[in-house]
Amino acid sequence: MSCCGIISVNYNSMFVKFIDIVCIKFIYKVIFSHQIYMHNTVKNLLDIENNIKVYLNKLNIINNFKIVAVSKTFKIEKILPLIEYGHIHFGENKVQEAVDKWTEIKKKNHKIKLHMIGKLQTNKVKYAVKIFDYIHSVDNEKLAKKIADEQDKLNKKIKIFLQVNIGDEDQKSGIIKSKVGQLVSLSREIGLDVIGLMCIPPINVDPKNYFEEMKNLNKDLSFTELSMGMSSDFLIAARYGSTHIRIGSSIFGQRS
């Protein structure tokens, strides 16, 4: 109180408190707005990641999995929210579509890792090696040698998964189980960086036994990476050790 009986006011303190309140309200507004306007693809991705973690935690399973967001056929406008969020693993199944869609984006964002998840023809390998960081579909000696030749020209190492025809289906790509070891040996001899196996199990059947067989085969070959699981079976794939889970429609929606 002043000598004249008038209460002195600490305006500096009041101003600081006012600023604190404004800042807090602003922070809450930003967080709340982010929750409301989070793009549905980002929300779908986070929900899937959380579902897998909760499921594995209940089973006491540790698995440092990656989700490969399968963006094939979707326009880049649908994919950009995931890129802006910070997701880096994306999958395509056609070389030309990948080149058209991702060339400029990868020049600007060097963290992005592009996965070739479809059947790869040898005449497209030189283009695939330039744009892709992973190839999940190597299943024969001719293709392996072509990739080795083209990556040497570019001084680039592609991470390779060997595709296994785990269900012995005539109509499906993949090397038969009895010859996987031979292809692994040859691939290593010619300089391919083979990091694991990949499979697509038969449809309309419980994939559990196939995933378990793949897990054991992968382990027998001393691999630590395993590519299996899609929108319909990703929880089971994660349970059996898949480190690269390829999910499309559950993130981006149904394709037209």
C-alpha atoms as a PDB file:
ATOM      1  CA  MET A   1       0.000   0.000   0.000  1.00  0.00           C
ATOM      2  CA  SER A   2       1.323   3.455  -0.881  1.00  0.00           C
ATOM      3  CA  CYS A   3       1.754   6.334   1.601  1.00  0.00           C
ATOM      4  CA  CYS A   4      -1.433   7.931   0.283  1.00  0.00           C
ATOM      5  CA  GLY A   5      -3.512   4.900   1.131  1.00  0.00           C
ATOM      6  CA  ILE A   6      -3.844   3.773  -2.460  1.00  0.00           C
ATOM      7  CA  ILE A   7      -3.183   0.095  -3.264  1.00  0.00           C
ATOM      8  CA  SER A   8      -0.265  -0.305  -5.650  1.00  0.00           C
ATOM      9  CA  VAL A   9      -0.773  -2.665  -8.549  1.00  0.00           C
ATOM     10  CA  ASN A  10       1.960  -4.865  -9.954  1.00  0.00           C
ATOM     11  CA  TYR A  11       1.114  -4.532 -13.632  1.00  0.00           C
ATOM     12  CA  ASN A  12       4.154  -6.577 -14.717  1.00  0.00           C
ATOM     13  CA  SER A  13       2.967  -9.593 -12.735  1.00  0.00           C
ATOM     14  CA  MET A  14      -0.573  -9.265 -14.088  1.00  0.00           C
ATOM     15  CA  PHE A  15       0.732  -9.060 -17.639  1.00  0.00           C
ATOM     16  CA  VAL A  16       2.832 -12.196 -17.198  1.00  0.00           C
ATOM     17  CA  LYS A  17      -0.169 -14.107 -15.825  1.00  0.00           C
ATOM     18  CA  PHE A  18      -2.295 -12.901 -18.723  1.00  0.00           C
ATOM     19  CA  ILE A  19       0.296 -14.105 -21.234  1.00  0.00           C
ATOM     20  CA  ASP A  20       0.492 -17.485 -19.462  1.00  0.00           C
ATOM     21  CA  ILE A  21      -3.273 -17.938 -19.717  1.00  0.00           C
ATOM     22  CA  VAL A  22      -3.324 -16.968 -23.394  1.00  0.00           C
ATOM     23  CA  CYS A  23      -0.475 -19.373 -24.189  1.00  0.00           C
ATOM     24  CA  ILE A  24      -2.112 -22.259 -22.362  1.00  0.00           C
ATOM     25  CA  LYS A  25      -5.403 -21.671 -24.164  1.00  0.00           C
ATOM     26  CA  PHE A  26      -3.555 -21.523 -27.489  1.00  0.00           C
ATOM     27  CA  ILE A  27      -1.742 -24.811 -26.810  1.00  0.00           C
ATOM     28  CA  TYR A  28      -5.016 -26.529 -25.883  1.00  0.00           C
ATOM     29  CA  LYS A  29      -6.613 -25.150 -29.032  1.00  0.00           C
ATOM     30  CA  VAL A  30      -3.781 -26.457 -31.215  1.00  0.00           C
ATOM     31  CA  ILE A  31      -3.935 -29.925 -29.627  1.00  0.00           C
ATOM     32  CA  PHE A  32      -7.725 -30.051 -29.859  1.00  0.00           C
ATOM     33  CA  SER A  33      -7.720 -28.850 -33.456  1.00  0.00           C
ATOM     34  CA  HIS A  34      -5.094 -31.459 -34.365  1.00  0.00           C
ATOM     35  CA  GLN A  35      -7.310 -34.187 -32.978  1.00  0.00           C
ATOM     36  CA  ILE A  36     -10.359 -32.918 -34.863  1.00  0.00           C
ATOM     37  CA  TYR A  37      -8.649 -32.290 -38.198  1.00  0.00           C
ATOM     38  CA  MET A  38      -6.221 -35.229 -38.219  1.00  0.00           C
ATOM     39  CA  HIS A  39      -6.471 -36.737 -41.676  1.00  0.00           C
ATOM     40  CA  ASN A  40      -8.276 -40.070 -41.718  1.00  0.00           C
ATOM     41  CA  THR A  41      -5.258 -41.862 -43.215  1.00  0.00           C
ATOM     42  CA  VAL A  42      -3.066 -40.758 -40.307  1.00  0.00           C
ATOM     43  CA  LYS A  43      -5.738 -41.759 -37.808  1.00  0.00           C
ATOM     44  CA  ASN A  44      -6.088 -45.160 -39.486  1.00  0.00           C
ATOM     45  CA  LEU A  45      -2.325 -45.715 -39.349  1.00  0.00           C
ATOM     46  CA  LEU A  46      -2.131 -44.780 -35.654  1.00  0.00           C
ATOM     47  CA  ASP A  47      -5.100 -47.010 -34.831  1.00  0.00           C
ATOM     48  CA  ILE A  48      -3.471 -49.971 -36.596  1.00  0.00           C
ATOM     49  CA  GLU A  49      -0.133 -49.407 -34.869  1.00  0.00           C
ATOM     50  CA  ASN A  50      -1.865 -49.184 -31.502  1.00  0.00           C
ATOM     51  CA  ASN A  51      -3.971 -52.306 -32.149  1.00  0.00           C
ATOM     52  CA  ILE A  52      -0.852 -54.292 -32.986  1.00  0.00           C
ATOM     53  CA  LYS A  53       1.029 -53.053 -29.917  1.00  0.00           C
ATOM     54  CA  VAL A  54      -1.892 -53.836 -27.594  1.00  0.00           C
ATOM     55  CA  TYR A  55      -2.326 -57.294 -29.129  1.00  0.00           C
ATOM     56  CA  LEU A  56       1.372 -58.156 -28.857  1.00  0.00           C
ATOM     57  CA  ASN A  57       1.589 -56.784 -25.334  1.00  0.00           C
ATOM     58  CA  LYS A  58      -1.200 -59.137 -24.214  1.00  0.00           C
ATOM     59  CA  LEU A  59       0.831 -62.033 -25.615  1.00  0.00           C
ATOM     60  CA  ASN A  60       4.090 -60.725 -24.098  1.00  0.00           C
ATOM     61  CA  ILE A  61       5.633 -60.580 -27.574  1.00  0.00           C
ATOM     62  CA  ILE A  62       8.270 -58.008 -28.486  1.00  0.00           C
ATOM     63  CA  ASN A  63       8.277 -57.087 -32.162  1.00  0.00           C
ATOM     64  CA  ASN A  64       9.739 -53.874 -33.561  1.00  0.00           C
ATOM     65  CA  PHE A  65       7.547 -53.928 -36.646  1.00  0.00           C
ATOM     66  CA  LYS A  66       7.273 -51.428 -39.476  1.00  0.00           C
ATOM     67  CA  ILE A  67       4.081 -50.701 -41.383  1.00  0.00           C
ATOM     68  CA  VAL A  68       4.533 -50.381 -45.126  1.00  0.00           C
ATOM     69  CA  ALA A  69       1.640 -48.181 -46.247  1.00  0.00           C
ATOM     70  CA  VAL A  70       0.640 -49.705 -49.584  1.00  0.00           C
ATOM     71  CA  SER A  71      -0.165 -46.662 -51.666  1.00  0.00           C
ATOM     72  CA  LYS A  72      -0.559 -48.385 -55.035  1.00  0.00           C
ATOM     73  CA  THR A  73      -3.270 -46.811 -57.251  1.00  0.00           C
ATOM     74  CA  PHE A  74      -3.814 -43.938 -54.793  1.00  0.00           C
ATOM     75  CA  LYS A  75      -2.999 -40.418 -55.932  1.00  0.00           C
ATOM     76  CA  ILE A  76      -0.314 -38.498 -54.120  1.00  0.00           C
ATOM     77  CA  GLU A  77      -2.896 -36.142 -52.560  1.00  0.00           C
ATOM     78  CA  LYS A  78      -4.164 -39.103 -50.547  1.00  0.00           C
ATOM     79  CA  ILE A  79      -0.639 -39.985 -49.445  1.00  0.00           C
ATOM     80  CA  LEU A  80       0.713 -36.542 -48.529  1.00  0.00           C
ATOM     81  CA  PRO A  81      -0.912 -36.390 -45.050  1.00  0.00           C
ATOM     82  CA  LEU A  82       1.036 -39.510 -44.052  1.00  0.00           C
ATOM     83  CA  ILE A  83       4.269 -38.034 -45.408  1.00  0.00           C
ATOM     84  CA  GLU A  84       3.642 -34.778 -43.553  1.00  0.00           C
ATOM     85  CA  TYR A  85       2.933 -36.744 -40.383  1.00  0.00           C
ATOM     86  CA  GLY A  86       6.349 -38.369 -40.724  1.00  0.00           C
ATOM     87  CA  HIS A  87       5.615 -41.878 -41.991  1.00  0.00           C
ATOM     88  CA  ILE A  88       8.417 -43.050 -44.286  1.00  0.00           C
ATOM     89  CA  HIS A  89       7.643 -46.596 -45.503  1.00  0.00           C
ATOM     90  CA  PHE A  90       5.414 -46.873 -48.591  1.00  0.00           C
ATOM     91  CA  GLY A  91       4.682 -49.728 -50.983  1.00  0.00           C
ATOM     92  CA  GLU A  92       3.977 -49.813 -54.714  1.00  0.00           C
ATOM     93  CA  ASN A  93       3.466 -52.757 -57.067  1.00  0.00           C
ATOM     94  CA  LYS A  94       4.123 -51.151 -60.459  1.00  0.00           C
ATOM     95  CA  VAL A  95       7.422 -49.602 -61.443  1.00  0.00           C
ATOM     96  CA  GLN A  96       6.103 -46.892 -63.774  1.00  0.00           C
ATOM     97  CA  GLU A  97       3.490 -45.744 -61.279  1.00  0.00           C
ATOM     98  CA  ALA A  98       6.179 -45.519 -58.614  1.00  0.00           C
ATOM     99  CA  VAL A  99       8.482 -43.492 -60.868  1.00  0.00           C
ATOM    100  CA  ASP A 100       5.707 -41.060 -61.809  1.00  0.00           C
ATOM    101  CA  LYS A 101       4.429 -40.682 -58.256  1.00  0.00           C
ATOM    102  CA  TRP A 102       7.548 -40.703 -56.117  1.00  0.00           C
ATOM    103  CA  THR A 103      10.538 -39.332 -58.063  1.00  0.00           C
ATOM    104  CA  GLU A 104      10.076 -35.691 -57.116  1.00  0.00           C
ATOM    105  CA  ILE A 105       8.924 -36.444 -53.577  1.00  0.00           C
ATOM    106  CA  LYS A 106      11.986 -38.597 -52.856  1.00  0.00           C
ATOM    107  CA  LYS A 107      14.249 -35.800 -54.094  1.00  0.00           C
ATOM    108  CA  LYS A 108      12.728 -33.515 -51.456  1.00  0.00           C
ATOM    109  CA  ASN A 109      12.406 -36.081 -48.672  1.00  0.00           C
ATOM    110  CA  HIS A 110      15.403 -38.407 -48.465  1.00  0.00           C
ATOM    111  CA  LYS A 111      13.983 -40.268 -45.465  1.00  0.00           C
ATOM    112  CA  ILE A 112      11.251 -41.960 -47.494  1.00  0.00           C
ATOM    113  CA  LYS A 113      11.768 -45.667 -48.120  1.00  0.00           C
ATOM    114  CA  LEU A 114       9.914 -47.101 -51.103  1.00  0.00           C
ATOM    115  CA  HIS A 115       9.074 -50.798 -51.232  1.00  0.00           C
ATOM    116  CA  MET A 116       8.431 -52.792 -54.397  1.00  0.00           C
ATOM    117  CA  ILE A 117       5.836 -55.358 -53.334  1.00  0.00           C
ATOM    118  CA  GLY A 118       4.570 -56.585 -56.715  1.00  0.00           C
ATOM    119  CA  LYS A 119       5.905 -58.972 -59.326  1.00  0.00           C
ATOM    120  CA  LEU A 120       8.986 -57.451 -60.944  1.00  0.00           C
ATOM    121  CA  GLN A 121       9.842 -58.166 -64.574  1.00  0.00           C
ATOM    122  CA  THR A 122      13.511 -58.197 -65.551  1.00  0.00           C
ATOM    123  CA  ASN A 123      12.995 -55.522 -68.221  1.00  0.00           C
ATOM    124  CA  LYS A 124      11.834 -53.112 -65.508  1.00  0.00           C
ATOM    125  CA  VAL A 125      14.660 -53.772 -63.063  1.00  0.00           C
ATOM    126  CA  LYS A 126      16.888 -50.865 -64.126  1.00  0.00           C
ATOM    127  CA  TYR A 127      14.058 -48.438 -63.381  1.00  0.00           C
ATOM    128  CA  ALA A 128      13.062 -50.230 -60.182  1.00  0.00           C
ATOM    129  CA  VAL A 129      16.567 -50.083 -58.749  1.00  0.00           C
ATOM    130  CA  LYS A 130      16.649 -46.320 -59.222  1.00  0.00           C
ATOM    131  CA  ILE A 131      13.405 -45.573 -57.376  1.00  0.00           C
ATOM    132  CA  PHE A 132      12.977 -48.387 -54.822  1.00  0.00           C
ATOM    133  CA  ASP A 133      14.864 -48.982 -51.572  1.00  0.00           C
ATOM    134  CA  TYR A 134      13.388 -52.433 -50.897  1.00  0.00           C
ATOM    135  CA  ILE A 135      12.250 -55.202 -53.233  1.00  0.00           C
ATOM    136  CA  HIS A 136       9.989 -57.824 -51.629  1.00  0.00           C
ATOM    137  CA  SER A 137       9.407 -60.081 -54.631  1.00  0.00           C
ATOM    138  CA  VAL A 138      12.659 -61.703 -55.739  1.00  0.00           C
ATOM    139  CA  ASP A 139      11.889 -65.347 -56.537  1.00  0.00           C
ATOM    140  CA  ASN A 140      14.295 -66.555 -59.212  1.00  0.00           C
ATOM    141  CA  GLU A 141      17.947 -66.556 -60.217  1.00  0.00           C
ATOM    142  CA  LYS A 142      17.497 -64.487 -63.378  1.00  0.00           C
ATOM    143  CA  LEU A 143      15.804 -61.652 -61.498  1.00  0.00           C
ATOM    144  CA  ALA A 144      18.372 -61.750 -58.707  1.00  0.00           C
ATOM    145  CA  LYS A 145      21.265 -61.455 -61.174  1.00  0.00           C
ATOM    146  CA  LYS A 146      19.604 -58.576 -63.023  1.00  0.00           C
ATOM    147  CA  ILE A 147      19.099 -56.630 -59.793  1.00  0.00           C
ATOM    148  CA  ALA A 148      22.724 -57.256 -58.817  1.00  0.00           C
ATOM    149  CA  ASP A 149      23.941 -55.949 -62.194  1.00  0.00           C
ATOM    150  CA  GLU A 150      21.804 -52.820 -62.133  1.00  0.00           C
ATOM    151  CA  GLN A 151      22.547 -51.875 -58.526  1.00  0.00           C
ATOM    152  CA  ASP A 152      26.281 -52.214 -59.210  1.00  0.00           C
ATOM    153  CA  LYS A 153      25.948 -49.703 -62.051  1.00  0.00           C
ATOM    154  CA  LEU A 154      24.353 -47.226 -59.633  1.00  0.00           C
ATOM    155  CA  ASN A 155      26.583 -48.127 -56.673  1.00  0.00           C
ATOM    156  CA  LYS A 156      23.418 -48.720 -54.683  1.00  0.00           C
ATOM    157  CA  LYS A 157      22.370 -51.514 -52.314  1.00  0.00           C
ATOM    158  CA  ILE A 158      18.709 -52.529 -52.419  1.00  0.00           C
ATOM    159  CA  LYS A 159      17.347 -54.402 -49.414  1.00  0.00           C
ATOM    160  CA  ILE A 160      15.921 -57.677 -50.681  1.00  0.00           C
ATOM    161  CA  PHE A 161      13.195 -60.037 -49.495  1.00  0.00           C
ATOM    162  CA  LEU A 162      12.914 -63.406 -51.245  1.00  0.00           C
ATOM    163  CA  GLN A 163       9.299 -64.278 -51.997  1.00  0.00           C
ATOM    164  CA  VAL A 164       8.293 -67.785 -50.942  1.00  0.00           C
ATOM    165  CA  ASN A 165       5.292 -69.631 -52.372  1.00  0.00           C
ATOM    166  CA  ILE A 166       4.383 -70.821 -48.904  1.00  0.00           C
ATOM    167  CA  GLY A 167       1.091 -72.409 -49.980  1.00  0.00           C
ATOM    168  CA  ASP A 168       2.556 -74.215 -53.033  1.00  0.00           C
ATOM    169  CA  GLU A 169      -0.036 -72.500 -55.262  1.00  0.00           C
ATOM    170  CA  ASP A 170       0.435 -72.919 -59.000  1.00  0.00           C
ATOM    171  CA  GLN A 171      -1.029 -69.512 -59.824  1.00  0.00           C
ATOM    172  CA  LYS A 172       1.093 -67.564 -57.347  1.00  0.00           C
ATOM    173  CA  SER A 173       4.621 -66.175 -57.643  1.00  0.00           C
ATOM    174  CA  GLY A 174       7.355 -67.209 -55.261  1.00  0.00           C
ATOM    175  CA  ILE A 175      10.064 -69.798 -54.981  1.00  0.00           C
ATOM    176  CA  ILE A 176       9.126 -73.197 -53.609  1.00  0.00           C
ATOM    177  CA  LYS A 177      10.232 -73.884 -50.048  1.00  0.00           C
ATOM    178  CA  SER A 178      12.735 -76.606 -50.926  1.00  0.00           C
ATOM    179  CA  LYS A 179      14.750 -74.218 -53.128  1.00  0.00           C
ATOM    180  CA  VAL A 180      14.833 -71.164 -50.869  1.00  0.00           C
ATOM    181  CA  GLY A 181      18.252 -72.045 -49.462  1.00  0.00           C
ATOM    182  CA  GLN A 182      19.769 -72.263 -52.956  1.00  0.00           C
ATOM    183  CA  LEU A 183      18.434 -68.827 -53.930  1.00  0.00           C
ATOM    184  CA  VAL A 184      19.681 -67.329 -50.674  1.00  0.00           C
ATOM    185  CA  SER A 185      23.196 -68.655 -51.325  1.00  0.00           C
ATOM    186  CA  LEU A 186      23.266 -67.450 -54.926  1.00  0.00           C
ATOM    187  CA  SER A 187      21.894 -64.033 -54.009  1.00  0.00           C
ATOM    188  CA  ARG A 188      24.575 -63.527 -51.399  1.00  0.00           C
ATOM    189  CA  GLU A 189      27.301 -64.679 -53.798  1.00  0.00           C
ATOM    190  CA  ILE A 190      26.344 -62.028 -56.371  1.00  0.00           C
ATOM    191  CA  GLY A 191      26.196 -59.260 -53.779  1.00  0.00           C
ATOM    192  CA  LEU A 192      22.506 -58.876 -52.987  1.00  0.00           C
ATOM    193  CA  ASP A 193      21.614 -57.624 -49.522  1.00  0.00           C
ATOM    194  CA  VAL A 194      19.026 -60.282 -48.667  1.00  0.00           C
ATOM    195  CA  ILE A 195      17.455 -59.336 -45.334  1.00  0.00           C
ATOM    196  CA  GLY A 196      14.591 -61.834 -45.095  1.00  0.00           C
ATOM    197  CA  LEU A 197      11.704 -63.718 -46.652  1.00  0.00           C
ATOM    198  CA  MET A 198       8.284 -62.595 -47.854  1.00  0.00           C
ATOM    199  CA  CYS A 199       5.020 -64.463 -48.436  1.00  0.00           C
ATOM    200  CA  ILE A 200       1.394 -64.049 -49.379  1.00  0.00           C
ATOM    201  CA  PRO A 201      -0.574 -66.958 -47.870  1.00  0.00           C
ATOM    202  CA  PRO A 202      -3.531 -68.608 -49.632  1.00  0.00           C
ATOM    203  CA  ILE A 203      -6.725 -66.566 -49.416  1.00  0.00           C
ATOM    204  CA  ASN A 204      -9.848 -67.572 -47.506  1.00  0.00           C
ATOM    205  CA  VAL A 205      -7.959 -69.819 -45.104  1.00  0.00           C
ATOM    206  CA  ASP A 206      -6.504 -69.237 -41.646  1.00  0.00           C
ATOM    207  CA  PRO A 207      -2.962 -67.939 -42.318  1.00  0.00           C
ATOM    208  CA  LYS A 208      -1.670 -68.970 -38.880  1.00  0.00           C
ATOM    209  CA  ASN A 209       0.085 -72.165 -39.985  1.00  0.00           C
ATOM    210  CA  TYR A 210       1.628 -70.484 -43.023  1.00  0.00           C
ATOM    211  CA  PHE A 211       2.940 -67.570 -40.972  1.00  0.00           C
ATOM    212  CA  GLU A 212       4.346 -69.932 -38.374  1.00  0.00           C
ATOM    213  CA  GLU A 213       6.098 -71.929 -41.105  1.00  0.00           C
ATOM    214  CA  MET A 214       7.537 -68.728 -42.561  1.00  0.00           C
ATOM    215  CA  LYS A 215       8.779 -67.626 -39.151  1.00  0.00           C
ATOM    216  CA  ASN A 216      10.612 -70.926 -38.682  1.00  0.00           C
ATOM    217  CA  LEU A 217      12.046 -70.908 -42.210  1.00  0.00           C
ATOM    218  CA  ASN A 218      13.239 -67.333 -41.748  1.00  0.00           C
ATOM    219  CA  LYS A 219      14.893 -68.259 -38.456  1.00  0.00           C
ATOM    220  CA  ASP A 220      16.567 -71.330 -39.953  1.00  0.00           C
ATOM    221  CA  LEU A 221      18.199 -69.058 -42.532  1.00  0.00           C
ATOM    222  CA  SER A 222      19.350 -66.637 -39.782  1.00  0.00           C
ATOM    223  CA  PHE A 223      17.255 -63.739 -41.053  1.00  0.00           C
ATOM    224  CA  THR A 224      15.868 -61.142 -38.660  1.00  0.00           C
ATOM    225  CA  GLU A 225      13.489 -59.374 -41.080  1.00  0.00           C
ATOM    226  CA  LEU A 226      10.231 -60.896 -42.329  1.00  0.00           C
ATOM    227  CA  SER A 227       7.665 -59.440 -44.745  1.00  0.00           C
ATOM    228  CA  MET A 228       4.145 -60.766 -44.319  1.00  0.00           C
ATOM    229  CA  GLY A 229       0.678 -59.629 -43.351  1.00  0.00           C
ATOM    230  CA  MET A 230      -1.852 -57.337 -45.018  1.00  0.00           C
ATOM    231  CA  SER A 231      -5.071 -55.569 -44.046  1.00  0.00           C
ATOM    232  CA  SER A 232      -6.954 -58.811 -43.431  1.00  0.00           C
ATOM    233  CA  ASP A 233      -4.366 -60.626 -41.311  1.00  0.00           C
ATOM    234  CA  PHE A 234      -1.855 -58.130 -39.912  1.00  0.00           C
ATOM    235  CA  LEU A 235      -2.395 -59.059 -36.255  1.00  0.00           C
ATOM    236  CA  ILE A 236      -1.611 -62.719 -36.879  1.00  0.00           C
ATOM    237  CA  ALA A 237       1.399 -61.763 -39.009  1.00  0.00           C
ATOM    238  CA  ALA A 238       2.749 -59.558 -36.219  1.00  0.00           C
ATOM    239  CA  ARG A 239       2.255 -62.397 -33.744  1.00  0.00           C
ATOM    240  CA  TYR A 240       4.475 -64.634 -35.865  1.00  0.00           C
ATOM    241  CA  GLY A 241       7.275 -62.149 -36.202  1.00  0.00           C
ATOM    242  CA  SER A 242       6.547 -60.056 -39.275  1.00  0.00           C
ATOM    243  CA  THR A 243       8.753 -56.967 -39.188  1.00  0.00           C
ATOM    244  CA  HIS A 244       7.339 -55.427 -42.382  1.00  0.00           C
ATOM    245  CA  ILE A 245       3.542 -55.455 -42.487  1.00  0.00           C
ATOM    246  CA  ARG A 246       2.070 -54.355 -45.813  1.00  0.00           C
ATOM    247  CA  ILE A 247      -1.225 -52.526 -45.261  1.00  0.00           C
ATOM    248  CA  GLY A 248      -3.204 -50.652 -47.894  1.00  0.00           C
ATOM    249  CA  SER A 249      -7.004 -50.496 -47.726  1.00  0.00           C
ATOM    250  CA  SER A 250      -7.144 -50.321 -43.926  1.00  0.00           C
ATOM    251  CA  ILE A 251      -5.134 -47.098 -44.150  1.00  0.00           C
ATOM    252  CA  PHE A 252      -6.235 -45.493 -47.407  1.00  0.00           C
ATOM    253  CA  GLY A 253      -9.688 -47.012 -47.871  1.00  0.00           C
ATOM    254  CA  GLN A 254     -11.027 -49.261 -50.598  1.00  0.00           C
ATOM    255  CA  ARG A 255      -9.603 -48.858 -54.083  1.00  0.00           C
ATOM    256  CA  SER A 256     -11.991 -47.868 -56.827  1.00  0.00           C
END
